[in-house]
Amino acid sequence: MNTWHSDKMDSMKSKSICELEYIAKDCYRAARCAQDLGNAEAEGRYLDEMHYAHMELAKRRKTARQ
């Protein structure tokens, strides 16, 4: 069963490094805005997406070092 989380993690695999870096920065900004508006659910989703972008970047860096 696919969830929003698994779909989002899978989508990160096809992004370029520049796209992943942009997504991470954009999601961080959006999460802060959601926090300021008191929208904890949106804040959490943006932070999750930021985390998934960082996970994919870390995986690629680790693979590049090997």
N, C-alpha and C. Protein backbone atom coordinates (compact mmCIF):
# COMPACT_ATOMS: atom_id res chain seq x y z
N MET A 1 0.84 -1.18 0.00
CA MET A 1 0.00 0.00 0.00
C MET A 1 0.88 1.24 0.00
N ASN A 2 0.66 2.10 -0.96
CA ASN A 2 1.43 3.34 -1.02
C ASN A 2 0.79 4.40 -0.14
N THR A 3 1.64 5.13 0.52
CA THR A 3 1.19 6.26 1.34
C THR A 3 1.82 7.52 0.78
N TRP A 4 1.40 8.64 1.30
CA TRP A 4 1.99 9.91 0.87
C TRP A 4 3.50 9.86 1.10
N HIS A 5 3.90 9.31 2.23
CA HIS A 5 5.31 9.27 2.58
C HIS A 5 6.12 8.41 1.60
N SER A 6 5.64 7.22 1.32
CA SER A 6 6.38 6.34 0.40
C SER A 6 6.40 6.91 -1.02
N ASP A 7 5.29 7.52 -1.44
CA ASP A 7 5.26 8.16 -2.76
C ASP A 7 6.25 9.32 -2.84
N LYS A 8 6.31 10.10 -1.79
CA LYS A 8 7.22 11.25 -1.75
C LYS A 8 8.67 10.79 -1.76
N MET A 9 8.99 9.74 -0.99
CA MET A 9 10.36 9.22 -0.97
C MET A 9 10.74 8.68 -2.34
N ASP A 10 9.82 7.97 -2.98
CA ASP A 10 10.09 7.45 -4.32
C ASP A 10 10.31 8.57 -5.33
N SER A 11 9.56 9.65 -5.20
CA SER A 11 9.69 10.76 -6.16
C SER A 11 11.05 11.45 -6.04
N MET A 12 11.66 11.38 -4.88
CA MET A 12 12.97 12.03 -4.68
C MET A 12 14.06 11.34 -5.49
N LYS A 13 13.89 10.07 -5.80
CA LYS A 13 14.91 9.31 -6.53
C LYS A 13 15.14 9.84 -7.93
N SER A 14 14.12 10.46 -8.52
CA SER A 14 14.23 10.93 -9.91
C SER A 14 14.66 12.40 -10.01
N LYS A 15 14.88 13.05 -8.87
CA LYS A 15 15.25 14.47 -8.86
C LYS A 15 16.76 14.64 -8.98
N SER A 16 17.15 15.74 -9.56
CA SER A 16 18.57 16.07 -9.63
C SER A 16 19.04 16.60 -8.28
N ILE A 17 20.33 16.68 -8.09
CA ILE A 17 20.87 17.21 -6.84
C ILE A 17 20.41 18.65 -6.62
N CYS A 18 20.42 19.44 -7.67
CA CYS A 18 19.95 20.83 -7.55
C CYS A 18 18.49 20.89 -7.15
N GLU A 19 17.68 20.02 -7.73
CA GLU A 19 16.27 19.98 -7.38
C GLU A 19 16.07 19.58 -5.92
N LEU A 20 16.82 18.59 -5.47
CA LEU A 20 16.72 18.14 -4.08
C LEU A 20 17.13 19.24 -3.11
N GLU A 21 18.19 19.95 -3.42
CA GLU A 21 18.63 21.05 -2.56
C GLU A 21 17.58 22.16 -2.52
N TYR A 22 16.99 22.46 -3.66
CA TYR A 22 15.95 23.49 -3.71
C TYR A 22 14.73 23.05 -2.90
N ILE A 23 14.31 21.80 -3.09
CA ILE A 23 13.15 21.27 -2.36
C ILE A 23 13.37 21.38 -0.86
N ALA A 24 14.56 20.99 -0.40
CA ALA A 24 14.86 21.04 1.03
C ALA A 24 14.76 22.47 1.57
N LYS A 25 15.35 23.42 0.85
CA LYS A 25 15.30 24.82 1.31
C LYS A 25 13.89 25.38 1.27
N ASP A 26 13.17 25.08 0.19
CA ASP A 26 11.81 25.58 0.03
C ASP A 26 10.88 24.99 1.10
N CYS A 27 11.02 23.71 1.37
CA CYS A 27 10.19 23.07 2.38
C CYS A 27 10.47 23.63 3.77
N TYR A 28 11.73 23.94 4.04
CA TYR A 28 12.06 24.53 5.34
C TYR A 28 11.35 25.87 5.50
N ARG A 29 11.41 26.70 4.46
CA ARG A 29 10.74 28.01 4.51
C ARG A 29 9.23 27.85 4.67
N ALA A 30 8.67 26.92 3.92
CA ALA A 30 7.23 26.68 3.98
C ALA A 30 6.82 26.16 5.36
N ALA A 31 7.63 25.32 5.95
CA ALA A 31 7.33 24.80 7.28
C ALA A 31 7.33 25.92 8.32
N ARG A 32 8.27 26.84 8.20
CA ARG A 32 8.31 27.97 9.14
C ARG A 32 7.06 28.84 8.97
N CYS A 33 6.64 29.05 7.73
CA CYS A 33 5.42 29.83 7.49
C CYS A 33 4.20 29.12 8.06
N ALA A 34 4.12 27.82 7.85
CA ALA A 34 3.00 27.05 8.40
C ALA A 34 3.00 27.12 9.92
N GLN A 35 4.18 27.07 10.51
CA GLN A 35 4.29 27.18 11.97
C GLN A 35 3.77 28.54 12.44
N ASP A 36 4.16 29.60 11.73
CA ASP A 36 3.72 30.94 12.09
C ASP A 36 2.20 31.08 11.99
N LEU A 37 1.60 30.33 11.07
CA LEU A 37 0.15 30.37 10.90
C LEU A 37 -0.57 29.41 11.85
N GLY A 38 0.19 28.62 12.59
CA GLY A 38 -0.41 27.69 13.52
C GLY A 38 -0.93 26.42 12.88
N ASN A 39 -0.41 26.09 11.70
CA ASN A 39 -0.85 24.90 10.97
C ASN A 39 0.18 23.79 11.17
N ALA A 40 0.01 23.04 12.24
CA ALA A 40 0.99 22.01 12.60
C ALA A 40 1.02 20.87 11.58
N GLU A 41 -0.13 20.54 11.00
CA GLU A 41 -0.17 19.44 10.03
C GLU A 41 0.65 19.79 8.78
N ALA A 42 0.46 20.99 8.26
CA ALA A 42 1.23 21.42 7.08
C ALA A 42 2.71 21.53 7.43
N GLU A 43 3.01 22.05 8.60
CA GLU A 43 4.40 22.16 9.03
C GLU A 43 5.07 20.79 9.04
N GLY A 44 4.38 19.81 9.58
CA GLY A 44 4.93 18.45 9.63
C GLY A 44 5.16 17.86 8.26
N ARG A 45 4.24 18.07 7.35
CA ARG A 45 4.40 17.53 5.99
C ARG A 45 5.59 18.18 5.28
N TYR A 46 5.73 19.50 5.43
CA TYR A 46 6.87 20.17 4.81
C TYR A 46 8.18 19.68 5.41
N LEU A 47 8.21 19.49 6.72
CA LEU A 47 9.43 19.00 7.35
C LEU A 47 9.73 17.56 6.92
N ASP A 48 8.70 16.74 6.77
CA ASP A 48 8.90 15.38 6.26
C ASP A 48 9.49 15.42 4.86
N GLU A 49 8.93 16.26 3.99
CA GLU A 49 9.44 16.35 2.62
C GLU A 49 10.89 16.84 2.60
N MET A 50 11.20 17.81 3.45
CA MET A 50 12.57 18.29 3.57
C MET A 50 13.50 17.15 3.99
N HIS A 51 13.05 16.38 4.95
CA HIS A 51 13.84 15.25 5.44
C HIS A 51 14.07 14.22 4.32
N TYR A 52 13.06 13.93 3.52
CA TYR A 52 13.20 12.96 2.44
C TYR A 52 14.19 13.45 1.38
N ALA A 53 14.19 14.75 1.11
CA ALA A 53 15.17 15.30 0.18
C ALA A 53 16.59 15.15 0.74
N HIS A 54 16.75 15.44 2.03
CA HIS A 54 18.07 15.30 2.67
C HIS A 54 18.51 13.83 2.71
N MET A 55 17.56 12.92 2.93
CA MET A 55 17.90 11.49 2.93
C MET A 55 18.43 11.06 1.57
N GLU A 56 17.79 11.52 0.49
CA GLU A 56 18.23 11.15 -0.86
C GLU A 56 19.59 11.76 -1.16
N LEU A 57 19.82 13.00 -0.74
CA LEU A 57 21.13 13.63 -0.94
C LEU A 57 22.22 12.86 -0.20
N ALA A 58 21.94 12.47 1.03
CA ALA A 58 22.92 11.72 1.83
C ALA A 58 23.22 10.38 1.18
N LYS A 59 22.19 9.72 0.68
CA LYS A 59 22.39 8.43 0.02
C LYS A 59 23.28 8.57 -1.20
N ARG A 60 23.07 9.61 -1.96
CA ARG A 60 23.89 9.83 -3.16
C ARG A 60 25.32 10.19 -2.80
N ARG A 61 25.51 10.96 -1.76
CA ARG A 61 26.87 11.31 -1.33
C ARG A 61 27.62 10.07 -0.85
N LYS A 62 26.94 9.24 -0.13
CA LYS A 62 27.54 8.01 0.38
C LYS A 62 27.92 7.10 -0.80
N THR A 63 27.05 6.98 -1.77
CA THR A 63 27.32 6.15 -2.95
C THR A 63 28.49 6.71 -3.74
N ALA A 64 28.59 8.03 -3.84
CA ALA A 64 29.66 8.67 -4.60
C ALA A 64 31.03 8.44 -3.94
N ARG A 65 31.05 8.31 -2.63
CA ARG A 65 32.30 8.10 -1.90
C ARG A 65 32.82 6.67 -2.01
N GLN A 66 31.96 5.76 -2.36
CA GLN A 66 32.37 4.34 -2.40
C GLN A 66 33.07 3.99 -3.66
